[in-house]
Amino acid sequence: MAQTVIGIFDNTSEAQQAVDQLVSNGFSRSQVDISAYTDTGTNTGVDATTEGSTRGALIPDRHTNTSGTTTEEVVDDTKDVGDSIGSFFSSLFGGSDEEDDRKKYSAVGSRSSIVTVHAETEDEAKRAADLLDDNGAVDVNERAAQHGYAGPAATGLSDVSHPTSDTDQTINVIEENLAVGKRTVETGGVRLKSRIVEMPVEESIRLRQERVRVERTPVNRPATEADLTAFQEGQIELREQAEVPVISKTAQVVEEISVGKDVTEREEVVRENVRRTEVDVENLVSPDKPLDTDRTTGHSGDVPSSTK
């Protein structure tokens, strides 16, 4: 959203320097207007490229609308009829609720040089305001007060009132009380997390193994009747056996881990400051009336010097 940023400067050279800084920091020339103050008390629109101008020595030229904005067009039109500043700020502060701002800026601007920046975004407007401040833009509120502009009457009440009327007045005595409660917060804890791990183990075992042995013994003897009976085809078989390790696993619980909480209580002293209103009572003595000795010393009527 487009926004208009205004910087008011004491003299033309400061205003011109601010314009140069704006242009060197990315603002286009068409976004910047400058209106210079002369020693004749008029505020004249000039081109921002004017060099060597000083307050009281500026030769006014006819201002041309370089930005095409409505704001600058208002300045162009009103410069020719003399009431440029009032009309210019009227175009910016159009609402009735901004009347005070219009008068305040008009009071300061009529004695100063004005730089107007037509920003296209909020960020650009903020950057323009920072550049104007860095290059010497005046505080409008402070400068308006110096020029005698008082502004609307203040409507707020001060913290301490000094009534001068004879009617009853009341001061409220306020006292703060300390209320201490409890809430539960997390202070830590324990998490148990189980995992499975593997480890190598070794166990020795004795194993038995059989081997078939074949022996041949040469002999030379006559065959007997038994030998002749066995003299036929036959077969003898003898098998070997060996022991091999057999692995099996058994599981057993070796430990139990439990999680529980122990609750303890403790006493803690909470310290804090509380405020209260204290009223000091001062007896006012008229210079035309003798001093009431009993009243001031607290004898007759027993008026306290302070109330708590």
C-alpha atoms as a PDB file:
ATOM      1  CA  MET A   1       0.000   0.000   0.000  1.00  0.00           C
ATOM      2  CA  ALA A   2       1.360   3.422  -1.002  1.00  0.00           C
ATOM      3  CA  GLN A   3       2.371   5.726   1.855  1.00  0.00           C
ATOM      4  CA  THR A   4       3.661   9.292   2.058  1.00  0.00           C
ATOM      5  CA  VAL A   5       6.647  10.013   4.320  1.00  0.00           C
ATOM      6  CA  ILE A   6       7.456  13.605   5.299  1.00  0.00           C
ATOM      7  CA  GLY A   7      10.751  14.966   6.607  1.00  0.00           C
ATOM      8  CA  ILE A   8      11.045  18.571   7.793  1.00  0.00           C
ATOM      9  CA  PHE A   9      14.499  20.201   7.860  1.00  0.00           C
ATOM     10  CA  ASP A  10      15.840  23.470   9.230  1.00  0.00           C
ATOM     11  CA  ASN A  11      17.436  24.534   5.963  1.00  0.00           C
ATOM     12  CA  THR A  12      17.586  23.688   2.287  1.00  0.00           C
ATOM     13  CA  SER A  13      21.073  22.202   2.367  1.00  0.00           C
ATOM     14  CA  GLU A  14      20.024  19.560   4.895  1.00  0.00           C
ATOM     15  CA  ALA A  15      16.912  18.815   2.865  1.00  0.00           C
ATOM     16  CA  GLN A  16      18.982  18.517  -0.310  1.00  0.00           C
ATOM     17  CA  GLN A  17      21.426  16.172   1.451  1.00  0.00           C
ATOM     18  CA  ALA A  18      18.514  13.982   2.565  1.00  0.00           C
ATOM     19  CA  VAL A  19      17.238  13.841  -1.034  1.00  0.00           C
ATOM     20  CA  ASP A  20      20.676  12.787  -2.275  1.00  0.00           C
ATOM     21  CA  GLN A  21      20.807  10.024   0.348  1.00  0.00           C
ATOM     22  CA  LEU A  22      17.352   8.787  -0.653  1.00  0.00           C
ATOM     23  CA  VAL A  23      18.314   8.607  -4.311  1.00  0.00           C
ATOM     24  CA  SER A  24      21.635   6.881  -3.528  1.00  0.00           C
ATOM     25  CA  ASN A  25      19.777   4.307  -1.435  1.00  0.00           C
ATOM     26  CA  GLY A  26      17.496   3.100  -4.189  1.00  0.00           C
ATOM     27  CA  PHE A  27      14.649   5.632  -4.291  1.00  0.00           C
ATOM     28  CA  SER A  28      13.850   6.987  -7.721  1.00  0.00           C
ATOM     29  CA  ARG A  29      13.923  10.734  -8.295  1.00  0.00           C
ATOM     30  CA  SER A  30      10.236  10.678  -9.202  1.00  0.00           C
ATOM     31  CA  GLN A  31       9.380   9.477  -5.679  1.00  0.00           C
ATOM     32  CA  VAL A  32      10.960  12.466  -3.917  1.00  0.00           C
ATOM     33  CA  ASP A  33       9.709  16.072  -3.674  1.00  0.00           C
ATOM     34  CA  ILE A  34      11.480  18.965  -1.953  1.00  0.00           C
ATOM     35  CA  SER A  35       9.943  22.276  -0.906  1.00  0.00           C
ATOM     36  CA  ALA A  36      12.487  24.889   0.256  1.00  0.00           C
ATOM     37  CA  TYR A  37      12.078  27.721   2.772  1.00  0.00           C
ATOM     38  CA  THR A  38      13.224  31.248   1.865  1.00  0.00           C
ATOM     39  CA  ASP A  39      14.001  34.250   4.067  1.00  0.00           C
ATOM     40  CA  THR A  40      10.828  35.945   2.849  1.00  0.00           C
ATOM     41  CA  GLY A  41       8.811  33.495   4.882  1.00  0.00           C
ATOM     42  CA  THR A  42       7.501  31.546   1.860  1.00  0.00           C
ATOM     43  CA  ASN A  43       7.915  27.918   1.100  1.00  0.00           C
ATOM     44  CA  THR A  44       8.803  27.358  -2.519  1.00  0.00           C
ATOM     45  CA  GLY A  45       8.814  24.158  -4.518  1.00  0.00           C
ATOM     46  CA  VAL A  46      12.131  23.479  -6.251  1.00  0.00           C
ATOM     47  CA  ASP A  47      13.685  20.653  -8.123  1.00  0.00           C
ATOM     48  CA  ALA A  48      15.635  18.324  -5.848  1.00  0.00           C
ATOM     49  CA  THR A  49      18.707  18.562  -8.073  1.00  0.00           C
ATOM     50  CA  THR A  50      19.336  22.225  -7.172  1.00  0.00           C
ATOM     51  CA  GLU A  51      22.894  22.558  -5.915  1.00  0.00           C
ATOM     52  CA  GLY A  52      24.510  25.135  -3.633  1.00  0.00           C
ATOM     53  CA  SER A  53      21.207  26.417  -2.203  1.00  0.00           C
ATOM     54  CA  THR A  54      21.191  27.793   1.324  1.00  0.00           C
ATOM     55  CA  ARG A  55      18.435  29.110   3.564  1.00  0.00           C
ATOM     56  CA  GLY A  56      17.606  32.693   2.610  1.00  0.00           C
ATOM     57  CA  ALA A  57      19.464  32.530  -0.695  1.00  0.00           C
ATOM     58  CA  LEU A  58      17.269  30.188  -2.732  1.00  0.00           C
ATOM     59  CA  ILE A  59      15.909  31.537  -5.997  1.00  0.00           C
ATOM     60  CA  PRO A  60      12.441  30.016  -6.395  1.00  0.00           C
ATOM     61  CA  ASP A  61      11.682  28.190  -9.637  1.00  0.00           C
ATOM     62  CA  ARG A  62       8.392  26.904 -10.949  1.00  0.00           C
ATOM     63  CA  HIS A  63       7.986  23.351  -9.597  1.00  0.00           C
ATOM     64  CA  THR A  64       7.138  20.630 -12.062  1.00  0.00           C
ATOM     65  CA  ASN A  65       5.351  17.428 -11.154  1.00  0.00           C
ATOM     66  CA  THR A  66       7.985  14.761 -11.615  1.00  0.00           C
ATOM     67  CA  SER A  67       6.225  11.933  -9.776  1.00  0.00           C
ATOM     68  CA  GLY A  68       2.705  12.264 -11.111  1.00  0.00           C
ATOM     69  CA  THR A  69       1.300  11.784  -7.622  1.00  0.00           C
ATOM     70  CA  THR A  70      -1.782  13.523  -6.275  1.00  0.00           C
ATOM     71  CA  THR A  71       0.205  14.882  -3.340  1.00  0.00           C
ATOM     72  CA  GLU A  72       2.770  16.601  -5.492  1.00  0.00           C
ATOM     73  CA  GLU A  73       0.036  17.953  -7.770  1.00  0.00           C
ATOM     74  CA  VAL A  74      -1.563  19.628  -4.744  1.00  0.00           C
ATOM     75  CA  VAL A  75       1.797  21.219  -3.943  1.00  0.00           C
ATOM     76  CA  ASP A  76       2.174  22.396  -7.550  1.00  0.00           C
ATOM     77  CA  ASP A  77      -1.242  24.010  -7.635  1.00  0.00           C
ATOM     78  CA  THR A  78      -1.004  25.711  -4.247  1.00  0.00           C
ATOM     79  CA  LYS A  79       2.500  27.103  -4.685  1.00  0.00           C
ATOM     80  CA  ASP A  80       1.167  29.612  -7.186  1.00  0.00           C
ATOM     81  CA  VAL A  81      -1.433  31.009  -4.794  1.00  0.00           C
ATOM     82  CA  GLY A  82       0.749  31.364  -1.675  1.00  0.00           C
ATOM     83  CA  ASP A  83      -0.973  29.101   0.904  1.00  0.00           C
ATOM     84  CA  SER A  84       1.074  26.049  -0.078  1.00  0.00           C
ATOM     85  CA  ILE A  85       1.900  24.585   3.323  1.00  0.00           C
ATOM     86  CA  GLY A  86      -1.605  24.677   4.784  1.00  0.00           C
ATOM     87  CA  SER A  87      -3.155  23.209   1.642  1.00  0.00           C
ATOM     88  CA  PHE A  88      -0.417  20.623   1.315  1.00  0.00           C
ATOM     89  CA  PHE A  89      -0.913  19.243   4.801  1.00  0.00           C
ATOM     90  CA  SER A  90      -4.687  19.485   4.424  1.00  0.00           C
ATOM     91  CA  SER A  91      -4.363  16.997   1.573  1.00  0.00           C
ATOM     92  CA  LEU A  92      -2.409  14.620   3.814  1.00  0.00           C
ATOM     93  CA  PHE A  93      -4.460  15.009   7.011  1.00  0.00           C
ATOM     94  CA  GLY A  94      -7.950  15.100   5.609  1.00  0.00           C
ATOM     95  CA  GLY A  95      -9.946  13.793   8.587  1.00  0.00           C
ATOM     96  CA  SER A  96     -11.282  15.973  11.355  1.00  0.00           C
ATOM     97  CA  ASP A  97      -9.522  13.753  13.912  1.00  0.00           C
ATOM     98  CA  GLU A  98      -6.192  14.690  12.257  1.00  0.00           C
ATOM     99  CA  GLU A  99      -6.750  18.443  12.486  1.00  0.00           C
ATOM    100  CA  ASP A 100      -4.182  18.799  15.267  1.00  0.00           C
ATOM    101  CA  ASP A 101      -1.533  17.005  13.178  1.00  0.00           C
ATOM    102  CA  ARG A 102      -2.309  19.260  10.199  1.00  0.00           C
ATOM    103  CA  LYS A 103      -1.912  22.432  12.267  1.00  0.00           C
ATOM    104  CA  LYS A 104       1.235  21.155  13.946  1.00  0.00           C
ATOM    105  CA  TYR A 105       2.944  20.192  10.670  1.00  0.00           C
ATOM    106  CA  SER A 106       1.809  23.447   9.066  1.00  0.00           C
ATOM    107  CA  ALA A 107       3.296  25.470  11.939  1.00  0.00           C
ATOM    108  CA  VAL A 108       6.664  23.766  11.572  1.00  0.00           C
ATOM    109  CA  GLY A 109       6.659  23.383   7.788  1.00  0.00           C
ATOM    110  CA  SER A 110       5.977  27.041   7.145  1.00  0.00           C
ATOM    111  CA  ARG A 111       9.427  27.814   8.635  1.00  0.00           C
ATOM    112  CA  SER A 112      11.323  24.843   7.242  1.00  0.00           C
ATOM    113  CA  SER A 113      12.223  22.867   4.148  1.00  0.00           C
ATOM    114  CA  ILE A 114      10.087  19.810   3.465  1.00  0.00           C
ATOM    115  CA  VAL A 115      11.083  16.531   1.796  1.00  0.00           C
ATOM    116  CA  THR A 116       8.189  14.287   0.729  1.00  0.00           C
ATOM    117  CA  VAL A 117       8.774  10.641  -0.190  1.00  0.00           C
ATOM    118  CA  HIS A 118       6.076   8.654  -1.982  1.00  0.00           C
ATOM    119  CA  ALA A 119       6.718   5.095  -0.796  1.00  0.00           C
ATOM    120  CA  GLU A 120       5.043   2.161  -2.501  1.00  0.00           C
ATOM    121  CA  THR A 121       5.273  -0.335   0.383  1.00  0.00           C
ATOM    122  CA  GLU A 122       5.342  -0.223   4.175  1.00  0.00           C
ATOM    123  CA  ASP A 123       8.959  -1.438   4.267  1.00  0.00           C
ATOM    124  CA  GLU A 124       9.969   1.250   1.798  1.00  0.00           C
ATOM    125  CA  ALA A 125       8.220   3.888   3.921  1.00  0.00           C
ATOM    126  CA  LYS A 126      10.080   2.743   7.032  1.00  0.00           C
ATOM    127  CA  ARG A 127      13.392   2.841   5.196  1.00  0.00           C
ATOM    128  CA  ALA A 128      12.645   6.355   3.940  1.00  0.00           C
ATOM    129  CA  ALA A 129      11.748   7.514   7.465  1.00  0.00           C
ATOM    130  CA  ASP A 130      15.027   6.124   8.826  1.00  0.00           C
ATOM    131  CA  LEU A 131      17.031   7.906   6.120  1.00  0.00           C
ATOM    132  CA  LEU A 132      15.259  11.202   6.782  1.00  0.00           C
ATOM    133  CA  ASP A 133      15.914  10.884  10.528  1.00  0.00           C
ATOM    134  CA  ASP A 134      19.572  10.026   9.945  1.00  0.00           C
ATOM    135  CA  ASN A 135      20.003  13.151   7.822  1.00  0.00           C
ATOM    136  CA  GLY A 136      18.659  15.625  10.381  1.00  0.00           C
ATOM    137  CA  ALA A 137      14.856  15.655  10.109  1.00  0.00           C
ATOM    138  CA  VAL A 138      13.474  17.662  13.039  1.00  0.00           C
ATOM    139  CA  ASP A 139      11.140  16.406  15.766  1.00  0.00           C
ATOM    140  CA  VAL A 140       7.820  17.964  14.728  1.00  0.00           C
ATOM    141  CA  ASN A 141       6.294  17.880  18.223  1.00  0.00           C
ATOM    142  CA  GLU A 142       9.324  19.525  19.810  1.00  0.00           C
ATOM    143  CA  ARG A 143       9.722  22.099  17.044  1.00  0.00           C
ATOM    144  CA  ALA A 144       5.998  22.953  17.103  1.00  0.00           C
ATOM    145  CA  ALA A 145       6.269  23.688  20.825  1.00  0.00           C
ATOM    146  CA  GLN A 146       9.246  25.970  20.140  1.00  0.00           C
ATOM    147  CA  HIS A 147       7.181  27.849  17.555  1.00  0.00           C
ATOM    148  CA  GLY A 148       4.451  28.442  20.137  1.00  0.00           C
ATOM    149  CA  TYR A 149       1.970  25.774  19.001  1.00  0.00           C
ATOM    150  CA  ALA A 150       0.379  24.393  22.177  1.00  0.00           C
ATOM    151  CA  GLY A 151      -1.911  21.805  20.637  1.00  0.00           C
ATOM    152  CA  PRO A 152      -5.193  20.572  22.134  1.00  0.00           C
ATOM    153  CA  ALA A 153      -5.628  20.860  25.897  1.00  0.00           C
ATOM    154  CA  ALA A 154      -4.523  17.828  27.861  1.00  0.00           C
ATOM    155  CA  THR A 155      -7.367  15.754  29.226  1.00  0.00           C
ATOM    156  CA  GLY A 156      -5.506  13.180  31.324  1.00  0.00           C
ATOM    157  CA  LEU A 157      -5.040  13.368  35.079  1.00  0.00           C
ATOM    158  CA  SER A 158      -1.650  13.313  36.741  1.00  0.00           C
ATOM    159  CA  ASP A 159      -0.759  10.637  39.247  1.00  0.00           C
ATOM    160  CA  VAL A 160      -0.841  13.102  42.155  1.00  0.00           C
ATOM    161  CA  SER A 161      -3.597  15.717  42.270  1.00  0.00           C
ATOM    162  CA  HIS A 162      -3.430  18.988  44.170  1.00  0.00           C
ATOM    163  CA  PRO A 163      -7.052  20.078  44.623  1.00  0.00           C
ATOM    164  CA  THR A 164      -7.636  23.716  45.422  1.00  0.00           C
ATOM    165  CA  SER A 165     -11.400  23.615  45.858  1.00  0.00           C
ATOM    166  CA  ASP A 166     -13.122  23.449  49.211  1.00  0.00           C
ATOM    167  CA  THR A 167     -15.174  20.362  48.320  1.00  0.00           C
ATOM    168  CA  ASP A 168     -14.429  16.920  49.706  1.00  0.00           C
ATOM    169  CA  GLN A 169     -11.609  15.112  47.974  1.00  0.00           C
ATOM    170  CA  THR A 170     -10.777  11.412  48.104  1.00  0.00           C
ATOM    171  CA  ILE A 171      -7.523   9.511  47.645  1.00  0.00           C
ATOM    172  CA  ASN A 172      -7.902   5.787  47.248  1.00  0.00           C
ATOM    173  CA  VAL A 173      -5.554   3.732  49.397  1.00  0.00           C
ATOM    174  CA  ILE A 174      -4.626   0.636  47.433  1.00  0.00           C
ATOM    175  CA  GLU A 175      -2.837  -2.329  48.940  1.00  0.00           C
ATOM    176  CA  GLU A 176      -1.523  -5.388  47.119  1.00  0.00           C
ATOM    177  CA  ASN A 177      -1.914  -8.828  48.672  1.00  0.00           C
ATOM    178  CA  LEU A 178       0.360 -11.771  47.993  1.00  0.00           C
ATOM    179  CA  ALA A 179      -1.373 -14.958  46.865  1.00  0.00           C
ATOM    180  CA  VAL A 180       0.811 -18.067  46.643  1.00  0.00           C
ATOM    181  CA  GLY A 181      -0.405 -21.115  44.761  1.00  0.00           C
ATOM    182  CA  LYS A 182       1.103 -24.293  43.381  1.00  0.00           C
ATOM    183  CA  ARG A 183       1.509 -25.812  39.968  1.00  0.00           C
ATOM    184  CA  THR A 184       3.204 -28.998  38.851  1.00  0.00           C
ATOM    185  CA  VAL A 185       6.252 -28.781  36.595  1.00  0.00           C
ATOM    186  CA  GLU A 186       8.389 -31.546  35.113  1.00  0.00           C
ATOM    187  CA  THR A 187      11.840 -31.708  36.694  1.00  0.00           C
ATOM    188  CA  GLY A 188      13.275 -34.896  35.174  1.00  0.00           C
ATOM    189  CA  GLY A 189      12.675 -38.649  35.099  1.00  0.00           C
ATOM    190  CA  VAL A 190      14.030 -42.083  34.234  1.00  0.00           C
ATOM    191  CA  ARG A 191      13.385 -44.098  31.072  1.00  0.00           C
ATOM    192  CA  LEU A 192      14.093 -47.849  30.933  1.00  0.00           C
ATOM    193  CA  LYS A 193      14.761 -49.199  27.461  1.00  0.00           C
ATOM    194  CA  SER A 194      15.565 -52.875  26.822  1.00  0.00           C
ATOM    195  CA  ARG A 195      17.519 -54.218  23.862  1.00  0.00           C
ATOM    196  CA  ILE A 196      18.826 -57.625  22.743  1.00  0.00           C
ATOM    197  CA  VAL A 197      22.586 -58.082  22.457  1.00  0.00           C
ATOM    198  CA  GLU A 198      24.626 -61.140  21.397  1.00  0.00           C
ATOM    199  CA  MET A 199      27.908 -62.326  22.819  1.00  0.00           C
ATOM    200  CA  PRO A 200      30.122 -65.289  21.901  1.00  0.00           C
ATOM    201  CA  VAL A 201      30.441 -68.190  24.421  1.00  0.00           C
ATOM    202  CA  GLU A 202      32.622 -71.331  24.453  1.00  0.00           C
ATOM    203  CA  GLU A 203      32.053 -74.781  25.965  1.00  0.00           C
ATOM    204  CA  SER A 204      34.343 -77.869  25.785  1.00  0.00           C
ATOM    205  CA  ILE A 205      32.874 -81.358  25.117  1.00  0.00           C
ATOM    206  CA  ARG A 206      34.503 -84.831  24.634  1.00  0.00           C
ATOM    207  CA  LEU A 207      33.283 -86.678  21.533  1.00  0.00           C
ATOM    208  CA  ARG A 208      33.748 -90.434  20.695  1.00  0.00           C
ATOM    209  CA  GLN A 209      34.380 -91.645  17.154  1.00  0.00           C
ATOM    210  CA  GLU A 210      34.601 -95.245  15.785  1.00  0.00           C
ATOM    211  CA  ARG A 211      36.916 -96.506  13.037  1.00  0.00           C
ATOM    212  CA  VAL A 212      36.524 -99.980  11.369  1.00  0.00           C
ATOM    213  CA  ARG A 213      39.831-101.815  11.267  1.00  0.00           C
ATOM    214  CA  VAL A 214      40.533-104.515   8.686  1.00  0.00           C
ATOM    215  CA  GLU A 215      43.472-106.867   9.391  1.00  0.00           C
ATOM    216  CA  ARG A 216      44.845-109.563   7.089  1.00  0.00           C
ATOM    217  CA  THR A 217      46.981-112.332   8.593  1.00  0.00           C
ATOM    218  CA  PRO A 218      48.757-114.773   6.251  1.00  0.00           C
ATOM    219  CA  VAL A 219      48.381-118.469   7.353  1.00  0.00           C
ATOM    220  CA  ASN A 220      49.353-121.891   5.878  1.00  0.00           C
ATOM    221  CA  ARG A 221      47.422-124.785   7.327  1.00  0.00           C
ATOM    222  CA  PRO A 222      45.163-127.537   6.012  1.00  0.00           C
ATOM    223  CA  ALA A 223      41.463-126.616   5.760  1.00  0.00           C
ATOM    224  CA  THR A 224      39.315-128.106   8.424  1.00  0.00           C
ATOM    225  CA  GLU A 225      35.775-129.314   8.245  1.00  0.00           C
ATOM    226  CA  ALA A 226      34.609-125.932   9.552  1.00  0.00           C
ATOM    227  CA  ASP A 227      36.616-124.133   6.967  1.00  0.00           C
ATOM    228  CA  LEU A 228      35.037-126.221   4.241  1.00  0.00           C
ATOM    229  CA  THR A 229      31.518-125.501   5.611  1.00  0.00           C
ATOM    230  CA  ALA A 230      32.188-121.780   5.491  1.00  0.00           C
ATOM    231  CA  PHE A 231      33.651-122.030   2.068  1.00  0.00           C
ATOM    232  CA  GLN A 232      30.864-120.203   0.257  1.00  0.00           C
ATOM    233  CA  GLU A 233      29.926-116.635  -0.724  1.00  0.00           C
ATOM    234  CA  GLY A 234      29.083-114.432   2.199  1.00  0.00           C
ATOM    235  CA  GLN A 235      29.125-110.878   3.485  1.00  0.00           C
ATOM    236  CA  ILE A 236      30.243-109.234   6.699  1.00  0.00           C
ATOM    237  CA  GLU A 237      29.299-105.614   7.482  1.00  0.00           C
ATOM    238  CA  LEU A 238      30.520-103.460  10.356  1.00  0.00           C
ATOM    239  CA  ARG A 239      29.469 -99.809  10.591  1.00  0.00           C
ATOM    240  CA  GLU A 240      31.345 -96.855  12.140  1.00  0.00           C
ATOM    241  CA  GLN A 241      29.740 -94.364  14.545  1.00  0.00           C
ATOM    242  CA  ALA A 242      30.875 -90.975  15.837  1.00  0.00           C
ATOM    243  CA  GLU A 243      29.491 -88.484  18.355  1.00  0.00           C
ATOM    244  CA  VAL A 244      28.768 -84.912  17.191  1.00  0.00           C
ATOM    245  CA  PRO A 245      27.884 -81.862  19.383  1.00  0.00           C
ATOM    246  CA  VAL A 246      24.219 -81.007  19.742  1.00  0.00           C
ATOM    247  CA  ILE A 247      23.406 -77.353  20.679  1.00  0.00           C
ATOM    248  CA  SER A 248      20.273 -76.272  22.514  1.00  0.00           C
ATOM    249  CA  LYS A 249      19.469 -73.066  24.438  1.00  0.00           C
ATOM    250  CA  THR A 250      17.452 -72.428  27.566  1.00  0.00           C
ATOM    251  CA  ALA A 251      16.380 -69.012  28.898  1.00  0.00           C
ATOM    252  CA  GLN A 252      15.984 -68.001  32.496  1.00  0.00           C
ATOM    253  CA  VAL A 253      15.248 -64.721  34.298  1.00  0.00           C
ATOM    254  CA  VAL A 254      18.329 -63.498  36.127  1.00  0.00           C
ATOM    255  CA  GLU A 255      17.217 -60.012  37.294  1.00  0.00           C
ATOM    256  CA  GLU A 256      14.124 -57.844  37.691  1.00  0.00           C
ATOM    257  CA  ILE A 257      14.270 -54.028  37.287  1.00  0.00           C
ATOM    258  CA  SER A 258      11.318 -51.982  38.531  1.00  0.00           C
ATOM    259  CA  VAL A 259      10.533 -48.277  38.248  1.00  0.00           C
ATOM    260  CA  GLY A 260       8.655 -46.405  40.926  1.00  0.00           C
ATOM    261  CA  LYS A 261       8.428 -42.958  42.530  1.00  0.00           C
ATOM    262  CA  ASP A 262       9.122 -41.743  46.036  1.00  0.00           C
ATOM    263  CA  VAL A 263       7.266 -38.600  47.055  1.00  0.00           C
ATOM    264  CA  THR A 264       8.753 -36.171  49.556  1.00  0.00           C
ATOM    265  CA  GLU A 265       7.558 -32.781  50.740  1.00  0.00           C
ATOM    266  CA  ARG A 266       9.520 -29.696  51.683  1.00  0.00           C
ATOM    267  CA  GLU A 267       8.823 -26.250  53.018  1.00  0.00           C
ATOM    268  CA  GLU A 268       9.829 -23.258  50.892  1.00  0.00           C
ATOM    269  CA  VAL A 269       9.573 -19.583  51.784  1.00  0.00           C
ATOM    270  CA  VAL A 270       8.284 -17.392  48.950  1.00  0.00           C
ATOM    271  CA  ARG A 271       9.463 -13.781  49.069  1.00  0.00           C
ATOM    272  CA  GLU A 272       7.990 -10.990  46.961  1.00  0.00           C
ATOM    273  CA  ASN A 273       7.385  -7.254  47.236  1.00  0.00           C
ATOM    274  CA  VAL A 274       3.845  -5.918  47.488  1.00  0.00           C
ATOM    275  CA  ARG A 275       2.826  -2.296  47.155  1.00  0.00           C
ATOM    276  CA  ARG A 276       0.409  -0.159  49.065  1.00  0.00           C
ATOM    277  CA  THR A 277      -0.597   3.452  49.080  1.00  0.00           C
ATOM    278  CA  GLU A 278       0.636   5.598  51.923  1.00  0.00           C
ATOM    279  CA  VAL A 279      -0.875   9.033  52.415  1.00  0.00           C
ATOM    280  CA  ASP A 280       0.934  11.742  54.350  1.00  0.00           C
ATOM    281  CA  VAL A 281      -1.378  14.256  55.972  1.00  0.00           C
ATOM    282  CA  GLU A 282       0.034  17.771  56.161  1.00  0.00           C
ATOM    283  CA  ASN A 283      -1.762  20.526  58.015  1.00  0.00           C
ATOM    284  CA  LEU A 284      -1.978  23.690  55.962  1.00  0.00           C
ATOM    285  CA  VAL A 285      -1.723  26.860  58.069  1.00  0.00           C
ATOM    286  CA  SER A 286      -3.021  30.140  56.698  1.00  0.00           C
ATOM    287  CA  PRO A 287      -0.628  33.082  57.167  1.00  0.00           C
ATOM    288  CA  ASP A 288      -3.616  35.146  58.406  1.00  0.00           C
ATOM    289  CA  LYS A 289      -4.540  32.644  61.138  1.00  0.00           C
ATOM    290  CA  PRO A 290      -2.526  31.883  64.302  1.00  0.00           C
ATOM    291  CA  LEU A 291      -0.868  28.495  64.480  1.00  0.00           C
ATOM    292  CA  ASP A 292      -3.061  25.824  66.166  1.00  0.00           C
ATOM    293  CA  THR A 293      -0.482  24.361  68.524  1.00  0.00           C
ATOM    294  CA  ASP A 294      -2.634  21.496  69.724  1.00  0.00           C
ATOM    295  CA  ARG A 295      -3.519  20.400  66.185  1.00  0.00           C
ATOM    296  CA  THR A 296       0.006  20.484  64.812  1.00  0.00           C
ATOM    297  CA  THR A 297       1.434  18.597  67.785  1.00  0.00           C
ATOM    298  CA  GLY A 298      -1.268  15.928  67.642  1.00  0.00           C
ATOM    299  CA  HIS A 299      -2.834  16.696  71.067  1.00  0.00           C
ATOM    300  CA  SER A 300      -6.292  18.062  70.329  1.00  0.00           C
ATOM    301  CA  GLY A 301      -8.105  15.929  67.733  1.00  0.00           C
ATOM    302  CA  ASP A 302      -5.117  13.605  67.502  1.00  0.00           C
ATOM    303  CA  VAL A 303      -4.599  14.097  63.723  1.00  0.00           C
ATOM    304  CA  PRO A 304      -1.932  11.652  62.470  1.00  0.00           C
ATOM    305  CA  SER A 305       0.943  12.783  60.364  1.00  0.00           C
ATOM    306  CA  SER A 306       0.541   9.828  58.000  1.00  0.00           C
ATOM    307  CA  THR A 307      -2.099   7.253  57.229  1.00  0.00           C
ATOM    308  CA  LYS A 308      -1.163   3.657  56.477  1.00  0.00           C
END
